[in-house]
Amino acid sequence: MSTPRSLALPAGTRAYALVTPRGRFAVLDARPTAAPVGTALLVPGYTGSKEDFLALLEPLTRAGYRAVAVDGRGQHESPGPRRTSGYTPRTLAEDVLAQSAALGDGPVHLVGHSFGGLVARSAARLSPESFRSLTLLSSGPGHVGAEQRAKIRLLRAALPVLPTAVVWAVTRWLDRRDPTYVPDAPDIAAFLQRRWYNTRPAQLIATGRQLRTEPDRTEGIAALPLPLHVAYGDEESVWTLDELAALARDTDARHTVIAGAGHSPNVSHPEQLATALTEFWATALAAERSA
């Protein structure tokens, strides 16, 4: 679970519901003071939300980009169905296509964090012309590692039979047993609980299943007619470093490893990540213009 360090909205950022033909999606829309040089759509991961990108918004707008972070269907402040059948990979990918179109800026740079990377690459396969580039942030080629699969299996077993409050209490108890655990500030702790209560259990069950069973998609990612970027921290723990390095190599993607970062460089190292993203986007744009 990504944990934002502050909930303050950066200057020039507006929170609202993005209206699309597929429904309303809660977004944080950060705009630079001048006309943007491009637009980025930021897709969060499992148990996450748009707030996971809060620290990244200001560095991106400072570089001249419009950055829009979104809650997917059933995540936090976006409504979603109560049945797991409403969260198929294609359904989530088509949502991203609708969000991109609703922004009205033409092809956007697509960034998917963790599970959001699985959704983003599915959207890119459906309609590559909708995107200028694809960045897979802390997102591997297939299913997550054994430890993460075990945690998701337990969560999926508990959600249908236990009250949300009980599952949340157990989750936090397990977090506190981690030797690296640091207590959250009161406002952050309250936000995390509110986000958990808001997120549809069906969304967690369905997306958790995909994280546990997703086959290796390296070949399909490599075939995308888009500039590709694989970025992650050198302390990544959900996928192995070898898996992520192989994904970058085998897809001929730009490869960024952020020193000292774990699974959420967007939270812990936003300046370094923003530099890596904007340098990649500038290269992608230059290649697009010369083609």
C-alpha atoms as a PDB file:
ATOM      1  CA  MET A   1       0.000   0.000   0.000  1.00  0.00           C
ATOM      2  CA  SER A   2       1.421   3.370  -1.022  1.00  0.00           C
ATOM      3  CA  THR A   3       1.249   5.953   1.736  1.00  0.00           C
ATOM      4  CA  PRO A   4       1.396   9.632   0.763  1.00  0.00           C
ATOM      5  CA  ARG A   5       3.450  11.777   3.083  1.00  0.00           C
ATOM      6  CA  SER A   6       1.229  14.834   2.707  1.00  0.00           C
ATOM      7  CA  LEU A   7      -2.322  15.399   1.510  1.00  0.00           C
ATOM      8  CA  ALA A   8      -1.817  19.057   0.585  1.00  0.00           C
ATOM      9  CA  LEU A   9      -2.755  19.855  -2.999  1.00  0.00           C
ATOM     10  CA  PRO A  10       0.090  21.521  -4.911  1.00  0.00           C
ATOM     11  CA  ALA A  11      -0.525  24.957  -6.403  1.00  0.00           C
ATOM     12  CA  GLY A  12      -2.486  24.745  -9.631  1.00  0.00           C
ATOM     13  CA  THR A  13      -4.062  21.395  -8.713  1.00  0.00           C
ATOM     14  CA  ARG A  14      -7.804  20.854  -8.785  1.00  0.00           C
ATOM     15  CA  ALA A  15      -9.764  17.879  -7.456  1.00  0.00           C
ATOM     16  CA  TYR A  16     -12.937  17.033  -9.369  1.00  0.00           C
ATOM     17  CA  ALA A  17     -14.900  14.258 -11.074  1.00  0.00           C
ATOM     18  CA  LEU A  18     -13.824  13.655 -14.664  1.00  0.00           C
ATOM     19  CA  VAL A  19     -16.966  12.879 -16.678  1.00  0.00           C
ATOM     20  CA  THR A  20     -16.615  10.173 -19.327  1.00  0.00           C
ATOM     21  CA  PRO A  21     -19.057   7.977 -21.269  1.00  0.00           C
ATOM     22  CA  ARG A  22     -18.038   5.168 -18.877  1.00  0.00           C
ATOM     23  CA  GLY A  23     -18.831   7.096 -15.728  1.00  0.00           C
ATOM     24  CA  ARG A  24     -17.246   9.632 -13.389  1.00  0.00           C
ATOM     25  CA  PHE A  25     -13.699   9.247 -12.131  1.00  0.00           C
ATOM     26  CA  ALA A  26     -12.186  11.256  -9.285  1.00  0.00           C
ATOM     27  CA  VAL A  27      -9.019  13.034 -10.408  1.00  0.00           C
ATOM     28  CA  LEU A  28      -6.332  15.404  -9.250  1.00  0.00           C
ATOM     29  CA  ASP A  29      -5.586  17.658 -12.226  1.00  0.00           C
ATOM     30  CA  ALA A  30      -2.350  19.648 -11.929  1.00  0.00           C
ATOM     31  CA  ARG A  31      -1.615  22.278 -14.576  1.00  0.00           C
ATOM     32  CA  PRO A  32       1.480  24.402 -15.211  1.00  0.00           C
ATOM     33  CA  THR A  33       1.181  28.174 -15.327  1.00  0.00           C
ATOM     34  CA  ALA A  34       1.874  28.272 -19.079  1.00  0.00           C
ATOM     35  CA  ALA A  35       0.439  26.109 -21.848  1.00  0.00           C
ATOM     36  CA  PRO A  36       1.504  22.505 -21.144  1.00  0.00           C
ATOM     37  CA  VAL A  37       4.116  20.821 -23.310  1.00  0.00           C
ATOM     38  CA  GLY A  38       2.248  17.542 -22.795  1.00  0.00           C
ATOM     39  CA  THR A  39      -0.203  15.716 -20.550  1.00  0.00           C
ATOM     40  CA  ALA A  40       0.402  12.681 -18.345  1.00  0.00           C
ATOM     41  CA  LEU A  41      -2.280  10.318 -17.049  1.00  0.00           C
ATOM     42  CA  LEU A  42      -1.202   8.615 -13.804  1.00  0.00           C
ATOM     43  CA  VAL A  43      -2.845   5.281 -12.901  1.00  0.00           C
ATOM     44  CA  PRO A  44      -2.461   4.029  -9.290  1.00  0.00           C
ATOM     45  CA  GLY A  45      -1.854   0.518  -8.032  1.00  0.00           C
ATOM     46  CA  TYR A  46      -3.559  -2.095  -5.874  1.00  0.00           C
ATOM     47  CA  THR A  47      -5.124  -0.637  -2.684  1.00  0.00           C
ATOM     48  CA  GLY A  48      -3.932   2.753  -3.947  1.00  0.00           C
ATOM     49  CA  SER A  49      -5.507   5.969  -5.196  1.00  0.00           C
ATOM     50  CA  LYS A  50      -4.748   9.220  -6.992  1.00  0.00           C
ATOM     51  CA  GLU A  51      -3.197  10.607  -3.802  1.00  0.00           C
ATOM     52  CA  ASP A  52      -0.229   8.262  -4.304  1.00  0.00           C
ATOM     53  CA  PHE A  53       0.964  10.730  -6.957  1.00  0.00           C
ATOM     54  CA  LEU A  54       0.532  13.919  -4.922  1.00  0.00           C
ATOM     55  CA  ALA A  55       4.274  14.447  -4.410  1.00  0.00           C
ATOM     56  CA  LEU A  56       4.924  13.949  -8.126  1.00  0.00           C
ATOM     57  CA  LEU A  57       2.447  16.550  -9.396  1.00  0.00           C
ATOM     58  CA  GLU A  58       4.411  19.702  -8.590  1.00  0.00           C
ATOM     59  CA  PRO A  59       7.709  18.529 -10.140  1.00  0.00           C
ATOM     60  CA  LEU A  60       5.848  17.547 -13.319  1.00  0.00           C
ATOM     61  CA  THR A  61       3.996  20.860 -13.624  1.00  0.00           C
ATOM     62  CA  ARG A  62       7.238  22.715 -12.916  1.00  0.00           C
ATOM     63  CA  ALA A  63       8.665  20.947 -15.959  1.00  0.00           C
ATOM     64  CA  GLY A  64       5.714  22.184 -18.033  1.00  0.00           C
ATOM     65  CA  TYR A  65       3.440  19.127 -18.017  1.00  0.00           C
ATOM     66  CA  ARG A  66      -0.193  18.757 -17.112  1.00  0.00           C
ATOM     67  CA  ALA A  67      -0.424  15.763 -14.759  1.00  0.00           C
ATOM     68  CA  VAL A  68      -3.713  14.033 -13.990  1.00  0.00           C
ATOM     69  CA  ALA A  69      -3.884  11.320 -11.309  1.00  0.00           C
ATOM     70  CA  VAL A  70      -7.040   9.213 -11.271  1.00  0.00           C
ATOM     71  CA  ASP A  71      -8.968   6.849  -9.016  1.00  0.00           C
ATOM     72  CA  GLY A  72      -9.976   3.840 -11.097  1.00  0.00           C
ATOM     73  CA  ARG A  73     -13.470   2.437 -10.842  1.00  0.00           C
ATOM     74  CA  GLY A  74     -14.188   1.260  -7.325  1.00  0.00           C
ATOM     75  CA  GLN A  75     -11.058   2.949  -5.974  1.00  0.00           C
ATOM     76  CA  HIS A  76     -11.461   5.482  -3.164  1.00  0.00           C
ATOM     77  CA  GLU A  77     -13.569   8.336  -4.577  1.00  0.00           C
ATOM     78  CA  SER A  78     -14.593   6.774  -7.900  1.00  0.00           C
ATOM     79  CA  PRO A  79     -17.807   4.716  -7.851  1.00  0.00           C
ATOM     80  CA  GLY A  80     -17.727   1.100  -8.943  1.00  0.00           C
ATOM     81  CA  PRO A  81     -19.895  -1.999  -9.170  1.00  0.00           C
ATOM     82  CA  ARG A  82     -20.342  -4.392  -6.263  1.00  0.00           C
ATOM     83  CA  ARG A  83     -19.635  -7.504  -8.341  1.00  0.00           C
ATOM     84  CA  THR A  84     -16.175  -8.714  -9.329  1.00  0.00           C
ATOM     85  CA  SER A  85     -17.372  -9.100 -12.911  1.00  0.00           C
ATOM     86  CA  GLY A  86     -17.257  -5.310 -13.180  1.00  0.00           C
ATOM     87  CA  TYR A  87     -13.457  -5.255 -12.864  1.00  0.00           C
ATOM     88  CA  THR A  88     -12.162  -7.350 -15.749  1.00  0.00           C
ATOM     89  CA  PRO A  89      -8.808  -6.363 -17.291  1.00  0.00           C
ATOM     90  CA  ARG A  90     -10.548  -5.161 -20.455  1.00  0.00           C
ATOM     91  CA  THR A  91     -13.092  -3.130 -18.478  1.00  0.00           C
ATOM     92  CA  LEU A  92     -10.355  -1.330 -16.551  1.00  0.00           C
ATOM     93  CA  ALA A  93      -8.353  -0.746 -19.738  1.00  0.00           C
ATOM     94  CA  GLU A  94     -11.375   0.733 -21.504  1.00  0.00           C
ATOM     95  CA  ASP A  95     -11.855   3.057 -18.523  1.00  0.00           C
ATOM     96  CA  VAL A  96      -8.325   4.390 -19.047  1.00  0.00           C
ATOM     97  CA  LEU A  97      -9.067   5.004 -22.725  1.00  0.00           C
ATOM     98  CA  ALA A  98     -12.190   6.940 -21.749  1.00  0.00           C
ATOM     99  CA  GLN A  99     -10.263   8.969 -19.174  1.00  0.00           C
ATOM    100  CA  SER A 100      -7.561   9.818 -21.694  1.00  0.00           C
ATOM    101  CA  ALA A 101     -10.124  10.954 -24.258  1.00  0.00           C
ATOM    102  CA  ALA A 102     -12.023  13.030 -21.682  1.00  0.00           C
ATOM    103  CA  LEU A 103      -8.912  15.050 -20.852  1.00  0.00           C
ATOM    104  CA  GLY A 104      -9.150  16.568 -24.334  1.00  0.00           C
ATOM    105  CA  ASP A 105      -5.419  16.903 -24.932  1.00  0.00           C
ATOM    106  CA  GLY A 106      -4.976  14.257 -27.616  1.00  0.00           C
ATOM    107  CA  PRO A 107      -2.502  11.419 -27.019  1.00  0.00           C
ATOM    108  CA  VAL A 108      -1.187  11.479 -23.449  1.00  0.00           C
ATOM    109  CA  HIS A 109       1.841  10.019 -21.703  1.00  0.00           C
ATOM    110  CA  LEU A 110       0.528   7.041 -19.729  1.00  0.00           C
ATOM    111  CA  VAL A 111       2.100   6.046 -16.389  1.00  0.00           C
ATOM    112  CA  GLY A 112       0.929   2.961 -14.499  1.00  0.00           C
ATOM    113  CA  HIS A 113       2.170   2.258 -10.979  1.00  0.00           C
ATOM    114  CA  SER A 114       2.289  -1.392  -9.833  1.00  0.00           C
ATOM    115  CA  PHE A 115      -1.131  -2.905 -10.657  1.00  0.00           C
ATOM    116  CA  GLY A 116      -1.784   0.311 -12.574  1.00  0.00           C
ATOM    117  CA  GLY A 117       0.967  -0.819 -14.939  1.00  0.00           C
ATOM    118  CA  LEU A 118      -1.037  -3.939 -15.791  1.00  0.00           C
ATOM    119  CA  VAL A 119      -4.057  -1.754 -16.538  1.00  0.00           C
ATOM    120  CA  ALA A 120      -2.006   0.778 -18.507  1.00  0.00           C
ATOM    121  CA  ARG A 121      -0.366  -1.794 -20.754  1.00  0.00           C
ATOM    122  CA  SER A 122      -3.785  -3.349 -21.476  1.00  0.00           C
ATOM    123  CA  ALA A 123      -5.105   0.067 -22.480  1.00  0.00           C
ATOM    124  CA  ALA A 124      -2.080   0.613 -24.710  1.00  0.00           C
ATOM    125  CA  ARG A 125      -2.698  -2.708 -26.437  1.00  0.00           C
ATOM    126  CA  LEU A 126      -6.339  -1.782 -27.118  1.00  0.00           C
ATOM    127  CA  SER A 127      -5.574   1.661 -28.544  1.00  0.00           C
ATOM    128  CA  PRO A 128      -1.876   2.573 -28.869  1.00  0.00           C
ATOM    129  CA  GLU A 129      -2.786   5.706 -30.838  1.00  0.00           C
ATOM    130  CA  SER A 130      -4.338   7.147 -27.661  1.00  0.00           C
ATOM    131  CA  PHE A 131      -0.922   7.470 -26.004  1.00  0.00           C
ATOM    132  CA  ARG A 132       2.382   9.147 -26.686  1.00  0.00           C
ATOM    133  CA  SER A 133       4.331   6.820 -24.421  1.00  0.00           C
ATOM    134  CA  LEU A 134       3.938   4.160 -21.751  1.00  0.00           C
ATOM    135  CA  THR A 135       5.811   4.060 -18.446  1.00  0.00           C
ATOM    136  CA  LEU A 136       5.575   0.964 -16.266  1.00  0.00           C
ATOM    137  CA  LEU A 137       6.462   2.184 -12.769  1.00  0.00           C
ATOM    138  CA  SER A 138       7.362  -0.556 -10.278  1.00  0.00           C
ATOM    139  CA  SER A 139       5.331  -2.938 -12.421  1.00  0.00           C
ATOM    140  CA  GLY A 140       6.633  -6.308 -13.563  1.00  0.00           C
ATOM    141  CA  PRO A 141       6.015  -8.558 -16.557  1.00  0.00           C
ATOM    142  CA  GLY A 142       3.575 -10.959 -14.876  1.00  0.00           C
ATOM    143  CA  HIS A 143       2.246 -11.955 -11.470  1.00  0.00           C
ATOM    144  CA  VAL A 144       3.737 -10.685  -8.225  1.00  0.00           C
ATOM    145  CA  GLY A 145       6.201 -12.638  -6.084  1.00  0.00           C
ATOM    146  CA  ALA A 146       5.326 -15.479  -3.710  1.00  0.00           C
ATOM    147  CA  GLU A 147       5.147 -13.360  -0.544  1.00  0.00           C
ATOM    148  CA  GLN A 148       2.818 -10.849  -2.172  1.00  0.00           C
ATOM    149  CA  ARG A 149       0.663 -13.615  -3.653  1.00  0.00           C
ATOM    150  CA  ALA A 150       0.227 -15.090  -0.165  1.00  0.00           C
ATOM    151  CA  LYS A 151      -0.839 -11.717   1.263  1.00  0.00           C
ATOM    152  CA  ILE A 152      -3.328 -11.142  -1.550  1.00  0.00           C
ATOM    153  CA  ARG A 153      -4.716 -14.665  -1.142  1.00  0.00           C
ATOM    154  CA  LEU A 154      -5.419 -13.990   2.529  1.00  0.00           C
ATOM    155  CA  LEU A 155      -7.006 -10.644   1.750  1.00  0.00           C
ATOM    156  CA  ARG A 156      -9.227 -12.127  -0.969  1.00  0.00           C
ATOM    157  CA  ALA A 157     -10.337 -14.860   1.423  1.00  0.00           C
ATOM    158  CA  ALA A 158     -11.190 -12.381   4.187  1.00  0.00           C
ATOM    159  CA  LEU A 159     -12.996  -9.678   2.221  1.00  0.00           C
ATOM    160  CA  PRO A 160     -16.169 -11.627   1.353  1.00  0.00           C
ATOM    161  CA  VAL A 161     -16.740 -12.952   4.885  1.00  0.00           C
ATOM    162  CA  LEU A 162     -15.413 -10.357   7.340  1.00  0.00           C
ATOM    163  CA  PRO A 163     -16.547  -6.770   7.982  1.00  0.00           C
ATOM    164  CA  THR A 164     -14.408  -4.106   6.323  1.00  0.00           C
ATOM    165  CA  ALA A 165     -13.423  -2.739   9.733  1.00  0.00           C
ATOM    166  CA  VAL A 166     -12.067  -6.122  10.844  1.00  0.00           C
ATOM    167  CA  VAL A 167     -10.048  -6.641   7.669  1.00  0.00           C
ATOM    168  CA  TRP A 168      -8.632  -3.126   8.034  1.00  0.00           C
ATOM    169  CA  ALA A 169      -7.652  -3.706  11.661  1.00  0.00           C
ATOM    170  CA  VAL A 170      -5.878  -6.962  10.807  1.00  0.00           C
ATOM    171  CA  THR A 171      -4.100  -5.327   7.858  1.00  0.00           C
ATOM    172  CA  ARG A 172      -2.777  -2.537  10.061  1.00  0.00           C
ATOM    173  CA  TRP A 173      -1.742  -5.024  12.744  1.00  0.00           C
ATOM    174  CA  LEU A 174       0.317  -6.900  10.159  1.00  0.00           C
ATOM    175  CA  ASP A 175       1.851  -3.620   8.969  1.00  0.00           C
ATOM    176  CA  ARG A 176       2.983  -2.813  12.505  1.00  0.00           C
ATOM    177  CA  ARG A 177       4.813  -6.137  12.724  1.00  0.00           C
ATOM    178  CA  ASP A 178       7.112  -5.071   9.882  1.00  0.00           C
ATOM    179  CA  PRO A 179      10.531  -4.071  11.347  1.00  0.00           C
ATOM    180  CA  THR A 180      10.588  -1.015   9.052  1.00  0.00           C
ATOM    181  CA  TYR A 181       7.145   0.190  10.158  1.00  0.00           C
ATOM    182  CA  VAL A 182       6.903   3.892  11.026  1.00  0.00           C
ATOM    183  CA  PRO A 183       3.640   5.224  12.509  1.00  0.00           C
ATOM    184  CA  ASP A 184       1.678   7.512  10.180  1.00  0.00           C
ATOM    185  CA  ALA A 185       0.784  11.077  11.082  1.00  0.00           C
ATOM    186  CA  PRO A 186      -2.844  11.288  12.335  1.00  0.00           C
ATOM    187  CA  ASP A 187      -4.169  12.906   9.140  1.00  0.00           C
ATOM    188  CA  ILE A 188      -2.458  10.297   6.961  1.00  0.00           C
ATOM    189  CA  ALA A 189      -3.727   7.439   9.140  1.00  0.00           C
ATOM    190  CA  ALA A 190      -7.259   8.831   8.875  1.00  0.00           C
ATOM    191  CA  PHE A 191      -6.921   9.127   5.102  1.00  0.00           C
ATOM    192  CA  LEU A 192      -5.656   5.553   4.723  1.00  0.00           C
ATOM    193  CA  GLN A 193      -8.608   4.242   6.712  1.00  0.00           C
ATOM    194  CA  ARG A 194     -11.059   6.362   4.740  1.00  0.00           C
ATOM    195  CA  ARG A 195      -9.563   5.158   1.429  1.00  0.00           C
ATOM    196  CA  TRP A 196      -9.809   1.537   2.566  1.00  0.00           C
ATOM    197  CA  TYR A 197     -13.456   1.930   3.572  1.00  0.00           C
ATOM    198  CA  ASN A 198     -14.279   3.703   0.287  1.00  0.00           C
ATOM    199  CA  THR A 199     -12.680   1.109  -1.991  1.00  0.00           C
ATOM    200  CA  ARG A 200     -15.057  -1.596  -3.193  1.00  0.00           C
ATOM    201  CA  PRO A 201     -14.197  -5.066  -1.840  1.00  0.00           C
ATOM    202  CA  ALA A 202     -15.113  -6.464  -5.278  1.00  0.00           C
ATOM    203  CA  GLN A 203     -12.421  -4.276  -6.812  1.00  0.00           C
ATOM    204  CA  LEU A 204      -9.795  -5.608  -4.414  1.00  0.00           C
ATOM    205  CA  ILE A 205     -10.871  -9.208  -4.953  1.00  0.00           C
ATOM    206  CA  ALA A 206     -10.889  -8.993  -8.751  1.00  0.00           C
ATOM    207  CA  THR A 207      -7.682  -7.013  -9.153  1.00  0.00           C
ATOM    208  CA  GLY A 208      -5.966  -9.147  -6.515  1.00  0.00           C
ATOM    209  CA  ARG A 209      -6.784 -12.218  -8.575  1.00  0.00           C
ATOM    210  CA  GLN A 210      -5.130 -10.641 -11.611  1.00  0.00           C
ATOM    211  CA  LEU A 211      -2.002  -9.766  -9.634  1.00  0.00           C
ATOM    212  CA  ARG A 212      -1.741 -13.383  -8.472  1.00  0.00           C
ATOM    213  CA  THR A 213      -2.301 -15.003 -11.868  1.00  0.00           C
ATOM    214  CA  GLU A 214      -1.136 -12.578 -14.566  1.00  0.00           C
ATOM    215  CA  PRO A 215       1.071 -14.380 -17.122  1.00  0.00           C
ATOM    216  CA  ASP A 216       4.308 -12.889 -18.403  1.00  0.00           C
ATOM    217  CA  ARG A 217       3.339 -10.199 -20.934  1.00  0.00           C
ATOM    218  CA  THR A 218       6.836  -9.231 -22.041  1.00  0.00           C
ATOM    219  CA  GLU A 219       6.267 -10.249 -25.654  1.00  0.00           C
ATOM    220  CA  GLY A 220       3.067  -8.227 -25.951  1.00  0.00           C
ATOM    221  CA  ILE A 221       4.617  -5.169 -24.306  1.00  0.00           C
ATOM    222  CA  ALA A 222       7.598  -5.337 -26.674  1.00  0.00           C
ATOM    223  CA  ALA A 223       5.192  -5.361 -29.637  1.00  0.00           C
ATOM    224  CA  LEU A 224       3.526  -2.079 -28.641  1.00  0.00           C
ATOM    225  CA  PRO A 225       4.193   0.699 -31.174  1.00  0.00           C
ATOM    226  CA  LEU A 226       4.966   3.166 -28.389  1.00  0.00           C
ATOM    227  CA  PRO A 227       8.056   4.526 -26.650  1.00  0.00           C
ATOM    228  CA  LEU A 228       8.416   2.379 -23.526  1.00  0.00           C
ATOM    229  CA  HIS A 229       9.906   3.130 -20.128  1.00  0.00           C
ATOM    230  CA  VAL A 230      10.483   0.747 -17.219  1.00  0.00           C
ATOM    231  CA  ALA A 231      11.231   2.543 -13.939  1.00  0.00           C
ATOM    232  CA  TYR A 232      11.584   1.252 -10.385  1.00  0.00           C
ATOM    233  CA  GLY A 233      13.589   1.614  -7.191  1.00  0.00           C
ATOM    234  CA  ASP A 234      16.641  -0.444  -6.352  1.00  0.00           C
ATOM    235  CA  GLU A 235      14.826  -1.588  -3.181  1.00  0.00           C
ATOM    236  CA  GLU A 236      11.753  -2.866  -5.049  1.00  0.00           C
ATOM    237  CA  SER A 237      10.131  -5.841  -3.308  1.00  0.00           C
ATOM    238  CA  VAL A 238       6.892  -6.735  -5.133  1.00  0.00           C
ATOM    239  CA  TRP A 239       8.661  -7.935  -8.273  1.00  0.00           C
ATOM    240  CA  THR A 240      12.328  -8.976  -8.302  1.00  0.00           C
ATOM    241  CA  LEU A 241      14.990  -6.648  -9.634  1.00  0.00           C
ATOM    242  CA  ASP A 242      16.002  -9.328 -12.113  1.00  0.00           C
ATOM    243  CA  GLU A 243      12.449  -9.537 -13.486  1.00  0.00           C
ATOM    244  CA  LEU A 244      12.218  -5.792 -13.921  1.00  0.00           C
ATOM    245  CA  ALA A 245      15.641  -5.485 -15.525  1.00  0.00           C
ATOM    246  CA  ALA A 246      14.774  -8.306 -17.934  1.00  0.00           C
ATOM    247  CA  LEU A 247      11.493  -6.576 -18.798  1.00  0.00           C
ATOM    248  CA  ALA A 248      13.342  -3.382 -19.684  1.00  0.00           C
ATOM    249  CA  ARG A 249      15.936  -5.276 -21.714  1.00  0.00           C
ATOM    250  CA  ASP A 250      13.538  -7.538 -23.578  1.00  0.00           C
ATOM    251  CA  THR A 251      11.155  -4.727 -24.533  1.00  0.00           C
ATOM    252  CA  ASP A 252      13.986  -2.372 -25.528  1.00  0.00           C
ATOM    253  CA  ALA A 253      12.551   0.151 -23.065  1.00  0.00           C
ATOM    254  CA  ARG A 254      14.238   3.112 -21.479  1.00  0.00           C
ATOM    255  CA  HIS A 255      15.465   1.788 -18.134  1.00  0.00           C
ATOM    256  CA  THR A 256      15.471   3.831 -14.925  1.00  0.00           C
ATOM    257  CA  VAL A 257      16.553   2.529 -11.517  1.00  0.00           C
ATOM    258  CA  ILE A 258      16.084   5.022  -8.683  1.00  0.00           C
ATOM    259  CA  ALA A 259      18.624   4.629  -5.897  1.00  0.00           C
ATOM    260  CA  GLY A 260      17.167   4.230  -2.419  1.00  0.00           C
ATOM    261  CA  ALA A 261      13.571   3.857  -3.603  1.00  0.00           C
ATOM    262  CA  GLY A 262      11.272   0.970  -2.798  1.00  0.00           C
ATOM    263  CA  HIS A 263       7.947   0.110  -4.403  1.00  0.00           C
ATOM    264  CA  SER A 264       6.658   3.700  -4.549  1.00  0.00           C
ATOM    265  CA  PRO A 265       9.267   6.113  -5.966  1.00  0.00           C
ATOM    266  CA  ASN A 266       6.335   8.424  -6.723  1.00  0.00           C
ATOM    267  CA  VAL A 267       6.028   8.913  -2.948  1.00  0.00           C
ATOM    268  CA  SER A 268       9.612   8.605  -1.725  1.00  0.00           C
ATOM    269  CA  HIS A 269      11.644  10.087  -4.611  1.00  0.00           C
ATOM    270  CA  PRO A 270       9.311  12.342  -6.619  1.00  0.00           C
ATOM    271  CA  GLU A 271      12.000  14.729  -7.879  1.00  0.00           C
ATOM    272  CA  GLN A 272      14.210  11.946  -9.238  1.00  0.00           C
ATOM    273  CA  LEU A 273      11.228  10.200 -10.786  1.00  0.00           C
ATOM    274  CA  ALA A 274       9.924  13.409 -12.371  1.00  0.00           C
ATOM    275  CA  THR A 275      13.332  14.021 -13.928  1.00  0.00           C
ATOM    276  CA  ALA A 276      13.403  10.486 -15.328  1.00  0.00           C
ATOM    277  CA  LEU A 277       9.859  10.816 -16.691  1.00  0.00           C
ATOM    278  CA  THR A 278      10.292  14.211 -18.302  1.00  0.00           C
ATOM    279  CA  GLU A 279      13.602  13.254 -19.900  1.00  0.00           C
ATOM    280  CA  PHE A 280      11.930  10.153 -21.337  1.00  0.00           C
ATOM    281  CA  TRP A 281       8.938  12.143 -22.586  1.00  0.00           C
ATOM    282  CA  ALA A 282      11.190  14.730 -24.233  1.00  0.00           C
ATOM    283  CA  THR A 283      13.045  11.941 -26.027  1.00  0.00           C
ATOM    284  CA  ALA A 284       9.765  10.338 -27.086  1.00  0.00           C
ATOM    285  CA  LEU A 285       8.463  13.647 -28.419  1.00  0.00           C
ATOM    286  CA  ALA A 286      11.658  14.290 -30.359  1.00  0.00           C
ATOM    287  CA  ALA A 287      11.420  10.843 -31.939  1.00  0.00           C
ATOM    288  CA  GLU A 288       7.753  11.463 -32.786  1.00  0.00           C
ATOM    289  CA  ARG A 289       8.554  14.734 -34.555  1.00  0.00           C
ATOM    290  CA  SER A 290      11.417  13.260 -36.531  1.00  0.00           C
ATOM    291  CA  ALA A 291       9.402  10.219 -37.679  1.00  0.00           C
END
